[in-house]
Amino acid sequence: MKRTVGGAVVVVVAAAFIATLDAGVSYADPSACPGENFCLWPDDNFQPGAPTFAMKRTGGCLAIGAIRSAINNTAYTITVWEQADCSGSSYPLGPDQWAATFRFTAKSIS
């Protein structure tokens, strides 16, 4: 009888943990970044509304202001950088990848 109770508790705890993870996940809506663009938003979870910046491809380091989420609909890998001069922490986004939130505020892309 003790095994059944312990097993039930584990299942309930695991289900609660999975529900918590799913509640915090944001999914990118491809229509939010039309065409073959790289789209950027100043806030987490692709907010507010329309992207503040959309481009086809960067030809080097490009300062972008303060960005927290992005969708990459291009055929290229684009790297977001923590500093405006493409230095510090970085996060590459490959073709058709997105990030609902970066672990830093991105200030440039290359």
PDB file of N, CA and C in Angstrom:
ATOM      1  N   MET A   1       0.822  -1.194   0.000  1.00  0.00           N
ATOM      2  CA  MET A   1       0.000   0.000   0.000  1.00  0.00           C
ATOM      3  C   MET A   1       0.867   1.259   0.000  1.00  0.00           C
ATOM      4  N   LYS A   2       1.989   1.237   0.691  1.00  0.00           N
ATOM      5  CA  LYS A   2       2.871   2.398   0.752  1.00  0.00           C
ATOM      6  C   LYS A   2       3.440   2.731  -0.624  1.00  0.00           C
ATOM      7  N   ARG A   3       3.751   1.703  -1.410  1.00  0.00           N
ATOM      8  CA  ARG A   3       4.272   1.928  -2.762  1.00  0.00           C
ATOM      9  C   ARG A   3       3.270   2.680  -3.627  1.00  0.00           C
ATOM     10  N   THR A   4       2.018   2.302  -3.560  1.00  0.00           N
ATOM     11  CA  THR A   4       0.993   2.955  -4.373  1.00  0.00           C
ATOM     12  C   THR A   4       0.868   4.433  -4.021  1.00  0.00           C
ATOM     13  N   VAL A   5       0.851   4.754  -2.746  1.00  0.00           N
ATOM     14  CA  VAL A   5       0.747   6.140  -2.315  1.00  0.00           C
ATOM     15  C   VAL A   5       1.973   6.915  -2.779  1.00  0.00           C
ATOM     16  N   GLY A   6       3.175   6.344  -2.584  1.00  0.00           N
ATOM     17  CA  GLY A   6       4.397   7.021  -3.025  1.00  0.00           C
ATOM     18  C   GLY A   6       4.400   7.227  -4.525  1.00  0.00           C
ATOM     19  N   GLY A   7       3.971   6.240  -5.288  1.00  0.00           N
ATOM     20  CA  GLY A   7       3.909   6.358  -6.735  1.00  0.00           C
ATOM     21  C   GLY A   7       2.910   7.416  -7.171  1.00  0.00           C
ATOM     22  N   ALA A   8       1.791   7.483  -6.494  1.00  0.00           N
ATOM     23  CA  ALA A   8       0.782   8.492  -6.825  1.00  0.00           C
ATOM     24  C   ALA A   8       1.321   9.892  -6.565  1.00  0.00           C
ATOM     25  N   VAL A   9       2.074  10.062  -5.475  1.00  0.00           N
ATOM     26  CA  VAL A   9       2.646  11.370  -5.154  1.00  0.00           C
ATOM     27  C   VAL A   9       3.642  11.782  -6.231  1.00  0.00           C
ATOM     28  N   VAL A  10       4.478  10.845  -6.678  1.00  0.00           N
ATOM     29  CA  VAL A  10       5.454  11.144  -7.722  1.00  0.00           C
ATOM     30  C   VAL A  10       4.759  11.567  -9.005  1.00  0.00           C
ATOM     31  N   VAL A  11       3.692  10.861  -9.379  1.00  0.00           N
ATOM     32  CA  VAL A  11       2.954  11.196 -10.597  1.00  0.00           C
ATOM     33  C   VAL A  11       2.344  12.589 -10.483  1.00  0.00           C
ATOM     34  N   VAL A  12       1.748  12.914  -9.342  1.00  0.00           N
ATOM     35  CA  VAL A  12       1.135  14.226  -9.137  1.00  0.00           C
ATOM     36  C   VAL A  12       2.194  15.317  -9.186  1.00  0.00           C
ATOM     37  N   VAL A  13       3.331  15.104  -8.525  1.00  0.00           N
ATOM     38  CA  VAL A  13       4.403  16.101  -8.530  1.00  0.00           C
ATOM     39  C   VAL A  13       4.946  16.279  -9.943  1.00  0.00           C
ATOM     40  N   ALA A  14       5.169  15.186 -10.675  1.00  0.00           N
ATOM     41  CA  ALA A  14       5.669  15.272 -12.042  1.00  0.00           C
ATOM     42  C   ALA A  14       4.670  16.004 -12.936  1.00  0.00           C
ATOM     43  N   ALA A  15       3.386  15.724 -12.793  1.00  0.00           N
ATOM     44  CA  ALA A  15       2.365  16.399 -13.596  1.00  0.00           C
ATOM     45  C   ALA A  15       2.336  17.895 -13.293  1.00  0.00           C
ATOM     46  N   ALA A  16       2.469  18.251 -12.026  1.00  0.00           N
ATOM     47  CA  ALA A  16       2.491  19.667 -11.640  1.00  0.00           C
ATOM     48  C   ALA A  16       3.715  20.359 -12.220  1.00  0.00           C
ATOM     49  N   PHE A  17       4.858  19.684 -12.213  1.00  0.00           N
ATOM     50  CA  PHE A  17       6.091  20.262 -12.760  1.00  0.00           C
ATOM     51  C   PHE A  17       5.959  20.488 -14.260  1.00  0.00           C
ATOM     52  N   ILE A  18       5.418  19.519 -14.980  1.00  0.00           N
ATOM     53  CA  ILE A  18       5.230  19.653 -16.423  1.00  0.00           C
ATOM     54  C   ILE A  18       4.247  20.778 -16.729  1.00  0.00           C
ATOM     55  N   ALA A  19       3.170  20.881 -15.966  1.00  0.00           N
ATOM     56  CA  ALA A  19       2.200  21.960 -16.175  1.00  0.00           C
ATOM     57  C   ALA A  19       2.848  23.316 -15.941  1.00  0.00           C
ATOM     58  N   THR A  20       3.715  23.415 -14.946  1.00  0.00           N
ATOM     59  CA  THR A  20       4.417  24.671 -14.665  1.00  0.00           C
ATOM     60  C   THR A  20       5.332  25.029 -15.822  1.00  0.00           C
ATOM     61  N   LEU A  21       6.050  24.059 -16.369  1.00  0.00           N
ATOM     62  CA  LEU A  21       6.926  24.329 -17.507  1.00  0.00           C
ATOM     63  C   LEU A  21       6.123  24.805 -18.701  1.00  0.00           C
ATOM     64  N   ASP A  22       5.030  24.142 -18.990  1.00  0.00           N
ATOM     65  CA  ASP A  22       4.227  24.482 -20.153  1.00  0.00           C
ATOM     66  C   ASP A  22       3.604  25.872 -20.017  1.00  0.00           C
ATOM     67  N   ALA A  23       3.233  26.274 -18.818  1.00  0.00           N
ATOM     68  CA  ALA A  23       2.613  27.576 -18.605  1.00  0.00           C
ATOM     69  C   ALA A  23       3.574  28.713 -18.923  1.00  0.00           C
ATOM     70  N   GLY A  24       4.872  28.497 -18.767  1.00  0.00           N
ATOM     71  CA  GLY A  24       5.845  29.550 -19.015  1.00  0.00           C
ATOM     72  C   GLY A  24       6.381  29.564 -20.436  1.00  0.00           C
ATOM     73  N   VAL A  25       5.937  28.661 -21.270  1.00  0.00           N
ATOM     74  CA  VAL A  25       6.459  28.567 -22.632  1.00  0.00           C
ATOM     75  C   VAL A  25       5.645  29.455 -23.553  1.00  0.00           C
ATOM     76  N   SER A  26       6.338  30.199 -24.391  1.00  0.00           N
ATOM     77  CA  SER A  26       5.670  31.031 -25.382  1.00  0.00           C
ATOM     78  C   SER A  26       6.059  30.515 -26.758  1.00  0.00           C
ATOM     79  N   TYR A  27       5.119  30.463 -27.648  1.00  0.00           N
ATOM     80  CA  TYR A  27       5.387  29.951 -28.978  1.00  0.00           C
ATOM     81  C   TYR A  27       5.352  31.082 -29.999  1.00  0.00           C
ATOM     82  N   ALA A  28       6.247  31.019 -30.954  1.00  0.00           N
ATOM     83  CA  ALA A  28       6.328  32.056 -31.982  1.00  0.00           C
ATOM     84  C   ALA A  28       5.248  31.817 -33.028  1.00  0.00           C
ATOM     85  N   ASP A  29       4.578  32.862 -33.392  1.00  0.00           N
ATOM     86  CA  ASP A  29       3.594  32.816 -34.469  1.00  0.00           C
ATOM     87  C   ASP A  29       4.316  33.236 -35.743  1.00  0.00           C
ATOM     88  N   PRO A  30       4.515  32.325 -36.684  1.00  0.00           N
ATOM     89  CA  PRO A  30       5.256  32.660 -37.903  1.00  0.00           C
ATOM     90  C   PRO A  30       4.700  33.880 -38.640  1.00  0.00           C
ATOM     91  N   SER A  31       3.395  34.116 -38.545  1.00  0.00           N
ATOM     92  CA  SER A  31       2.820  35.275 -39.227  1.00  0.00           C
ATOM     93  C   SER A  31       3.251  36.590 -38.586  1.00  0.00           C
ATOM     94  N   ALA A  32       3.793  36.531 -37.380  1.00  0.00           N
ATOM     95  CA  ALA A  32       4.275  37.739 -36.709  1.00  0.00           C
ATOM     96  C   ALA A  32       5.546  38.269 -37.371  1.00  0.00           C
ATOM     97  N   CYS A  33       6.211  37.414 -38.142  1.00  0.00           N
ATOM     98  CA  CYS A  33       7.438  37.799 -38.850  1.00  0.00           C
ATOM     99  C   CYS A  33       7.286  37.352 -40.300  1.00  0.00           C
ATOM    100  N   PRO A  34       6.633  38.177 -41.117  1.00  0.00           N
ATOM    101  CA  PRO A  34       6.316  37.764 -42.486  1.00  0.00           C
ATOM    102  C   PRO A  34       7.541  37.659 -43.396  1.00  0.00           C
ATOM    103  N   GLY A  35       7.402  36.829 -44.411  1.00  0.00           N
ATOM    104  CA  GLY A  35       8.464  36.699 -45.407  1.00  0.00           C
ATOM    105  C   GLY A  35       9.716  36.060 -44.849  1.00  0.00           C
ATOM    106  N   GLU A  36      10.812  36.307 -45.515  1.00  0.00           N
ATOM    107  CA  GLU A  36      12.101  35.756 -45.101  1.00  0.00           C
ATOM    108  C   GLU A  36      12.877  36.825 -44.344  1.00  0.00           C
ATOM    109  N   ASN A  37      12.350  37.234 -43.204  1.00  0.00           N
ATOM    110  CA  ASN A  37      12.928  38.303 -42.400  1.00  0.00           C
ATOM    111  C   ASN A  37      13.462  37.790 -41.070  1.00  0.00           C
ATOM    112  N   PHE A  38      14.297  38.596 -40.456  1.00  0.00           N
ATOM    113  CA  PHE A  38      14.732  38.407 -39.073  1.00  0.00           C
ATOM    114  C   PHE A  38      14.028  39.510 -38.304  1.00  0.00           C
ATOM    115  N   CYS A  39      13.117  39.154 -37.397  1.00  0.00           N
ATOM    116  CA  CYS A  39      12.289  40.131 -36.698  1.00  0.00           C
ATOM    117  C   CYS A  39      12.647  40.200 -35.227  1.00  0.00           C
ATOM    118  N   LEU A  40      12.625  41.406 -34.680  1.00  0.00           N
ATOM    119  CA  LEU A  40      13.055  41.659 -33.308  1.00  0.00           C
ATOM    120  C   LEU A  40      11.976  42.391 -32.522  1.00  0.00           C
ATOM    121  N   TRP A  41      11.872  42.065 -31.220  1.00  0.00           N
ATOM    122  CA  TRP A  41      10.933  42.723 -30.324  1.00  0.00           C
ATOM    123  C   TRP A  41      11.674  43.214 -29.080  1.00  0.00           C
ATOM    124  N   PRO A  42      11.251  44.356 -28.525  1.00  0.00           N
ATOM    125  CA  PRO A  42      11.927  44.906 -27.351  1.00  0.00           C
ATOM    126  C   PRO A  42      11.596  44.176 -26.056  1.00  0.00           C
ATOM    127  N   ASP A  43      10.509  43.409 -26.018  1.00  0.00           N
ATOM    128  CA  ASP A  43      10.099  42.719 -24.802  1.00  0.00           C
ATOM    129  C   ASP A  43      10.068  41.209 -25.009  1.00  0.00           C
ATOM    130  N   ASP A  44      10.009  40.465 -23.897  1.00  0.00           N
ATOM    131  CA  ASP A  44       9.890  39.015 -23.949  1.00  0.00           C
ATOM    132  C   ASP A  44       8.600  38.615 -24.655  1.00  0.00           C
ATOM    133  N   ASN A  45       8.574  37.394 -25.162  1.00  0.00           N
ATOM    134  CA  ASN A  45       7.374  36.789 -25.753  1.00  0.00           C
ATOM    135  C   ASN A  45       6.808  37.577 -26.930  1.00  0.00           C
ATOM    136  N   PHE A  46       7.705  38.160 -27.744  1.00  0.00           N
ATOM    137  CA  PHE A  46       7.318  38.817 -28.990  1.00  0.00           C
ATOM    138  C   PHE A  46       6.327  39.962 -28.766  1.00  0.00           C
ATOM    139  N   GLN A  47       6.602  40.753 -27.745  1.00  0.00           N
ATOM    140  CA  GLN A  47       5.737  41.883 -27.398  1.00  0.00           C
ATOM    141  C   GLN A  47       6.480  43.191 -27.606  1.00  0.00           C
ATOM    142  N   PRO A  48       5.852  44.273 -27.830  1.00  0.00           N
ATOM    143  CA  PRO A  48       4.418  44.449 -28.042  1.00  0.00           C
ATOM    144  C   PRO A  48       4.056  44.313 -29.517  1.00  0.00           C
ATOM    145  N   GLY A  49       3.109  43.484 -29.821  1.00  0.00           N
ATOM    146  CA  GLY A  49       2.548  43.361 -31.171  1.00  0.00           C
ATOM    147  C   GLY A  49       3.542  43.158 -32.301  1.00  0.00           C
ATOM    148  N   ALA A  50       3.543  44.087 -33.233  1.00  0.00           N
ATOM    149  CA  ALA A  50       4.390  43.990 -34.432  1.00  0.00           C
ATOM    150  C   ALA A  50       5.869  44.130 -34.055  1.00  0.00           C
ATOM    151  N   PRO A  51       6.755  43.477 -34.815  1.00  0.00           N
ATOM    152  CA  PRO A  51       8.193  43.601 -34.522  1.00  0.00           C
ATOM    153  C   PRO A  51       8.665  45.037 -34.719  1.00  0.00           C
ATOM    154  N   THR A  52       9.667  45.422 -33.930  1.00  0.00           N
ATOM    155  CA  THR A  52      10.201  46.778 -34.039  1.00  0.00           C
ATOM    156  C   THR A  52      11.238  46.887 -35.142  1.00  0.00           C
ATOM    157  N   PHE A  53      11.699  45.736 -35.640  1.00  0.00           N
ATOM    158  CA  PHE A  53      12.766  45.748 -36.632  1.00  0.00           C
ATOM    159  C   PHE A  53      12.678  44.454 -37.421  1.00  0.00           C
ATOM    160  N   ALA A  54      12.764  44.535 -38.732  1.00  0.00           N
ATOM    161  CA  ALA A  54      12.769  43.343 -39.582  1.00  0.00           C
ATOM    162  C   ALA A  54      13.794  43.565 -40.681  1.00  0.00           C
ATOM    163  N   MET A  55      14.563  42.540 -40.974  1.00  0.00           N
ATOM    164  CA  MET A  55      15.594  42.655 -41.997  1.00  0.00           C
ATOM    165  C   MET A  55      15.787  41.332 -42.705  1.00  0.00           C
ATOM    166  N   LYS A  56      16.456  41.347 -43.821  1.00  0.00           N
ATOM    167  CA  LYS A  56      16.730  40.128 -44.592  1.00  0.00           C
ATOM    168  C   LYS A  56      18.040  39.477 -44.166  1.00  0.00           C
ATOM    169  N   ARG A  57      19.108  40.259 -44.050  1.00  0.00           N
ATOM    170  CA  ARG A  57      20.415  39.703 -43.699  1.00  0.00           C
ATOM    171  C   ARG A  57      21.343  40.835 -43.291  1.00  0.00           C
ATOM    172  N   THR A  58      22.206  40.551 -42.350  1.00  0.00           N
ATOM    173  CA  THR A  58      23.171  41.541 -41.901  1.00  0.00           C
ATOM    174  C   THR A  58      24.503  41.313 -42.604  1.00  0.00           C
ATOM    175  N   GLY A  59      25.223  42.369 -42.887  1.00  0.00           N
ATOM    176  CA  GLY A  59      26.510  42.255 -43.559  1.00  0.00           C
ATOM    177  C   GLY A  59      27.661  42.532 -42.610  1.00  0.00           C
ATOM    178  N   GLY A  60      27.528  42.232 -41.356  1.00  0.00           N
ATOM    179  CA  GLY A  60      28.545  42.504 -40.342  1.00  0.00           C
ATOM    180  C   GLY A  60      27.850  42.750 -39.024  1.00  0.00           C
ATOM    181  N   CYS A  61      28.452  43.557 -38.169  1.00  0.00           N
ATOM    182  CA  CYS A  61      27.861  43.869 -36.867  1.00  0.00           C
ATOM    183  C   CYS A  61      26.899  45.045 -37.018  1.00  0.00           C
ATOM    184  N   LEU A  62      25.699  44.887 -36.492  1.00  0.00           N
ATOM    185  CA  LEU A  62      24.686  45.928 -36.583  1.00  0.00           C
ATOM    186  C   LEU A  62      24.077  46.161 -35.204  1.00  0.00           C
ATOM    187  N   ALA A  63      24.204  47.387 -34.676  1.00  0.00           N
ATOM    188  CA  ALA A  63      23.584  47.738 -33.397  1.00  0.00           C
ATOM    189  C   ALA A  63      22.072  47.794 -33.586  1.00  0.00           C
ATOM    190  N   ILE A  64      21.315  47.250 -32.619  1.00  0.00           N
ATOM    191  CA  ILE A  64      19.863  47.133 -32.775  1.00  0.00           C
ATOM    192  C   ILE A  64      19.075  47.728 -31.615  1.00  0.00           C
ATOM    193  N   GLY A  65      19.706  48.380 -30.670  1.00  0.00           N
ATOM    194  CA  GLY A  65      18.982  48.875 -29.505  1.00  0.00           C
ATOM    195  C   GLY A  65      18.860  47.775 -28.475  1.00  0.00           C
ATOM    196  N   ALA A  66      17.762  47.715 -27.748  1.00  0.00           N
ATOM    197  CA  ALA A  66      17.562  46.718 -26.692  1.00  0.00           C
ATOM    198  C   ALA A  66      16.467  45.741 -27.112  1.00  0.00           C
ATOM    199  N   ILE A  67      16.846  44.492 -27.340  1.00  0.00           N
ATOM    200  CA  ILE A  67      15.932  43.463 -27.847  1.00  0.00           C
ATOM    201  C   ILE A  67      15.876  42.282 -26.883  1.00  0.00           C
ATOM    202  N   ARG A  68      14.658  41.723 -26.673  1.00  0.00           N
ATOM    203  CA  ARG A  68      14.483  40.591 -25.763  1.00  0.00           C
ATOM    204  C   ARG A  68      13.968  39.324 -26.447  1.00  0.00           C
ATOM    205  N   SER A  69      13.389  39.423 -27.671  1.00  0.00           N
ATOM    206  CA  SER A  69      12.913  38.220 -28.363  1.00  0.00           C
ATOM    207  C   SER A  69      13.032  38.417 -29.870  1.00  0.00           C
ATOM    208  N   ALA A  70      13.115  37.277 -30.596  1.00  0.00           N
ATOM    209  CA  ALA A  70      13.336  37.356 -32.047  1.00  0.00           C
ATOM    210  C   ALA A  70      12.835  36.104 -32.754  1.00  0.00           C
ATOM    211  N   ILE A  71      12.537  36.277 -34.042  1.00  0.00           N
ATOM    212  CA  ILE A  71      12.192  35.163 -34.933  1.00  0.00           C
ATOM    213  C   ILE A  71      13.102  35.265 -36.150  1.00  0.00           C
ATOM    214  N   ASN A  72      13.739  34.159 -36.520  1.00  0.00           N
ATOM    215  CA  ASN A  72      14.598  34.126 -37.695  1.00  0.00           C
ATOM    216  C   ASN A  72      13.928  33.309 -38.797  1.00  0.00           C
ATOM    217  N   ASN A  73      13.357  33.987 -39.771  1.00  0.00           N
ATOM    218  CA  ASN A  73      12.746  33.321 -40.927  1.00  0.00           C
ATOM    219  C   ASN A  73      13.657  33.374 -42.143  1.00  0.00           C
ATOM    220  N   THR A  74      14.926  33.716 -41.949  1.00  0.00           N
ATOM    221  CA  THR A  74      15.864  33.766 -43.066  1.00  0.00           C
ATOM    222  C   THR A  74      16.476  32.383 -43.288  1.00  0.00           C
ATOM    223  N   ALA A  75      17.277  32.262 -44.304  1.00  0.00           N
ATOM    224  CA  ALA A  75      17.992  31.011 -44.587  1.00  0.00           C
ATOM    225  C   ALA A  75      19.373  31.010 -43.939  1.00  0.00           C
ATOM    226  N   TYR A  76      19.647  32.004 -43.096  1.00  0.00           N
ATOM    227  CA  TYR A  76      20.972  32.179 -42.507  1.00  0.00           C
ATOM    228  C   TYR A  76      20.923  32.108 -40.984  1.00  0.00           C
ATOM    229  N   THR A  77      22.032  31.744 -40.378  1.00  0.00           N
ATOM    230  CA  THR A  77      22.155  31.840 -38.932  1.00  0.00           C
ATOM    231  C   THR A  77      22.533  33.273 -38.595  1.00  0.00           C
ATOM    232  N   ILE A  78      21.787  33.877 -37.700  1.00  0.00           N
ATOM    233  CA  ILE A  78      22.064  35.237 -37.244  1.00  0.00           C
ATOM    234  C   ILE A  78      22.325  35.174 -35.743  1.00  0.00           C
ATOM    235  N   THR A  79      23.396  35.818 -35.311  1.00  0.00           N
ATOM    236  CA  THR A  79      23.777  35.798 -33.904  1.00  0.00           C
ATOM    237  C   THR A  79      23.402  37.119 -33.250  1.00  0.00           C
ATOM    238  N   VAL A  80      22.723  37.029 -32.103  1.00  0.00           N
ATOM    239  CA  VAL A  80      22.431  38.228 -31.316  1.00  0.00           C
ATOM    240  C   VAL A  80      23.502  38.346 -30.240  1.00  0.00           C
ATOM    241  N   TRP A  81      23.893  39.572 -29.936  1.00  0.00           N
ATOM    242  CA  TRP A  81      24.986  39.844 -29.001  1.00  0.00           C
ATOM    243  C   TRP A  81      24.531  40.728 -27.853  1.00  0.00           C
ATOM    244  N   GLU A  82      25.166  40.540 -26.724  1.00  0.00           N
ATOM    245  CA  GLU A  82      24.848  41.316 -25.522  1.00  0.00           C
ATOM    246  C   GLU A  82      25.280  42.776 -25.645  1.00  0.00           C
ATOM    247  N   GLN A  83      26.394  43.027 -26.282  1.00  0.00           N
ATOM    248  CA  GLN A  83      26.924  44.389 -26.401  1.00  0.00           C
ATOM    249  C   GLN A  83      26.691  44.944 -27.809  1.00  0.00           C
ATOM    250  N   ALA A  84      26.645  46.263 -27.934  1.00  0.00           N
ATOM    251  CA  ALA A  84      26.369  46.927 -29.211  1.00  0.00           C
ATOM    252  C   ALA A  84      27.472  46.720 -30.241  1.00  0.00           C
ATOM    253  N   ASP A  85      28.667  46.278 -29.812  1.00  0.00           N
ATOM    254  CA  ASP A  85      29.775  46.059 -30.746  1.00  0.00           C
ATOM    255  C   ASP A  85      29.989  44.576 -31.059  1.00  0.00           C
ATOM    256  N   CYS A  86      28.929  43.774 -30.928  1.00  0.00           N
ATOM    257  CA  CYS A  86      28.982  42.322 -31.188  1.00  0.00           C
ATOM    258  C   CYS A  86      30.003  41.622 -30.295  1.00  0.00           C
ATOM    259  N   SER A  87      29.954  41.934 -29.021  1.00  0.00           N
ATOM    260  CA  SER A  87      30.812  41.274 -28.042  1.00  0.00           C
ATOM    261  C   SER A  87      29.957  40.860 -26.848  1.00  0.00           C
ATOM    262  N   GLY A  88      30.577  40.176 -25.906  1.00  0.00           N
ATOM    263  CA  GLY A  88      29.866  39.685 -24.724  1.00  0.00           C
ATOM    264  C   GLY A  88      29.170  38.372 -25.026  1.00  0.00           C
ATOM    265  N   SER A  89      28.131  38.079 -24.278  1.00  0.00           N
ATOM    266  CA  SER A  89      27.375  36.850 -24.489  1.00  0.00           C
ATOM    267  C   SER A  89      26.706  36.894 -25.854  1.00  0.00           C
ATOM    268  N   SER A  90      26.524  35.713 -26.440  1.00  0.00           N
ATOM    269  CA  SER A  90      25.891  35.640 -27.753  1.00  0.00           C
ATOM    270  C   SER A  90      24.906  34.483 -27.796  1.00  0.00           C
ATOM    271  N   TYR A  91      24.005  34.564 -28.756  1.00  0.00           N
ATOM    272  CA  TYR A  91      23.012  33.520 -28.944  1.00  0.00           C
ATOM    273  C   TYR A  91      22.722  33.398 -30.440  1.00  0.00           C
ATOM    274  N   PRO A  92      23.161  32.309 -31.086  1.00  0.00           N
ATOM    275  CA  PRO A  92      22.889  32.131 -32.514  1.00  0.00           C
ATOM    276  C   PRO A  92      21.473  31.599 -32.748  1.00  0.00           C
ATOM    277  N   LEU A  93      20.803  32.177 -33.717  1.00  0.00           N
ATOM    278  CA  LEU A  93      19.484  31.693 -34.140  1.00  0.00           C
ATOM    279  C   LEU A  93      19.605  31.209 -35.571  1.00  0.00           C
ATOM    280  N   GLY A  94      19.449  29.906 -35.775  1.00  0.00           N
ATOM    281  CA  GLY A  94      19.529  29.332 -37.109  1.00  0.00           C
ATOM    282  C   GLY A  94      18.266  29.612 -37.906  1.00  0.00           C
ATOM    283  N   PRO A  95      18.251  29.180 -39.164  1.00  0.00           N
ATOM    284  CA  PRO A  95      17.067  29.365 -40.003  1.00  0.00           C
ATOM    285  C   PRO A  95      15.819  28.764 -39.343  1.00  0.00           C
ATOM    286  N   ASP A  96      14.733  29.510 -39.393  1.00  0.00           N
ATOM    287  CA  ASP A  96      13.446  29.079 -38.840  1.00  0.00           C
ATOM    288  C   ASP A  96      13.477  28.807 -37.341  1.00  0.00           C
ATOM    289  N   GLN A  97      14.369  29.462 -36.619  1.00  0.00           N
ATOM    290  CA  GLN A  97      14.401  29.354 -35.157  1.00  0.00           C
ATOM    291  C   GLN A  97      13.902  30.658 -34.549  1.00  0.00           C
ATOM    292  N   TRP A  98      13.491  30.586 -33.280  1.00  0.00           N
ATOM    293  CA  TRP A  98      13.009  31.759 -32.574  1.00  0.00           C
ATOM    294  C   TRP A  98      13.404  31.672 -31.112  1.00  0.00           C
ATOM    295  N   ALA A  99      13.379  32.808 -30.447  1.00  0.00           N
ATOM    296  CA  ALA A  99      13.653  32.871 -29.016  1.00  0.00           C
ATOM    297  C   ALA A  99      12.625  33.800 -28.382  1.00  0.00           C
ATOM    298  N   ALA A 100      11.823  33.255 -27.462  1.00  0.00           N
ATOM    299  CA  ALA A 100      10.807  34.054 -26.785  1.00  0.00           C
ATOM    300  C   ALA A 100      11.436  35.010 -25.777  1.00  0.00           C
ATOM    301  N   THR A 101      12.609  34.648 -25.289  1.00  0.00           N
ATOM    302  CA  THR A 101      13.342  35.533 -24.387  1.00  0.00           C
ATOM    303  C   THR A 101      14.810  35.149 -24.397  1.00  0.00           C
ATOM    304  N   PHE A 102      15.667  36.144 -24.440  1.00  0.00           N
ATOM    305  CA  PHE A 102      17.100  35.896 -24.348  1.00  0.00           C
ATOM    306  C   PHE A 102      17.521  35.966 -22.891  1.00  0.00           C
ATOM    307  N   ARG A 103      18.619  35.338 -22.524  1.00  0.00           N
ATOM    308  CA  ARG A 103      19.111  35.395 -21.148  1.00  0.00           C
ATOM    309  C   ARG A 103      19.807  36.726 -20.862  1.00  0.00           C
ATOM    310  N   PHE A 104      19.873  37.581 -21.858  1.00  0.00           N
ATOM    311  CA  PHE A 104      20.436  38.925 -21.737  1.00  0.00           C
ATOM    312  C   PHE A 104      19.646  39.826 -22.684  1.00  0.00           C
ATOM    313  N   THR A 105      19.784  41.130 -22.524  1.00  0.00           N
ATOM    314  CA  THR A 105      19.175  42.063 -23.471  1.00  0.00           C
ATOM    315  C   THR A 105      20.133  42.220 -24.638  1.00  0.00           C
ATOM    316  N   ALA A 106      19.690  41.815 -25.812  1.00  0.00           N
ATOM    317  CA  ALA A 106      20.550  41.869 -27.006  1.00  0.00           C
ATOM    318  C   ALA A 106      20.647  43.314 -27.503  1.00  0.00           C
ATOM    319  N   LYS A 107      21.857  43.699 -27.908  1.00  0.00           N
ATOM    320  CA  LYS A 107      22.076  45.068 -28.390  1.00  0.00           C
ATOM    321  C   LYS A 107      22.680  45.122 -29.782  1.00  0.00           C
ATOM    322  N   SER A 108      23.034  43.948 -30.351  1.00  0.00           N
ATOM    323  CA  SER A 108      23.556  43.933 -31.725  1.00  0.00           C
ATOM    324  C   SER A 108      23.365  42.545 -32.329  1.00  0.00           C
ATOM    325  N   ILE A 109      23.472  42.482 -33.651  1.00  0.00           N
ATOM    326  CA  ILE A 109      23.378  41.216 -34.375  1.00  0.00           C
ATOM    327  C   ILE A 109      24.476  41.145 -35.421  1.00  0.00           C
ATOM    328  N   SER A 110      24.830  39.923 -35.783  1.00  0.00           N
ATOM    329  CA  SER A 110      25.797  39.735 -36.876  1.00  0.00           C
ATOM    330  C   SER A 110      25.453  38.448 -37.615  1.00  0.00           C
TER     331      SER A 110
END
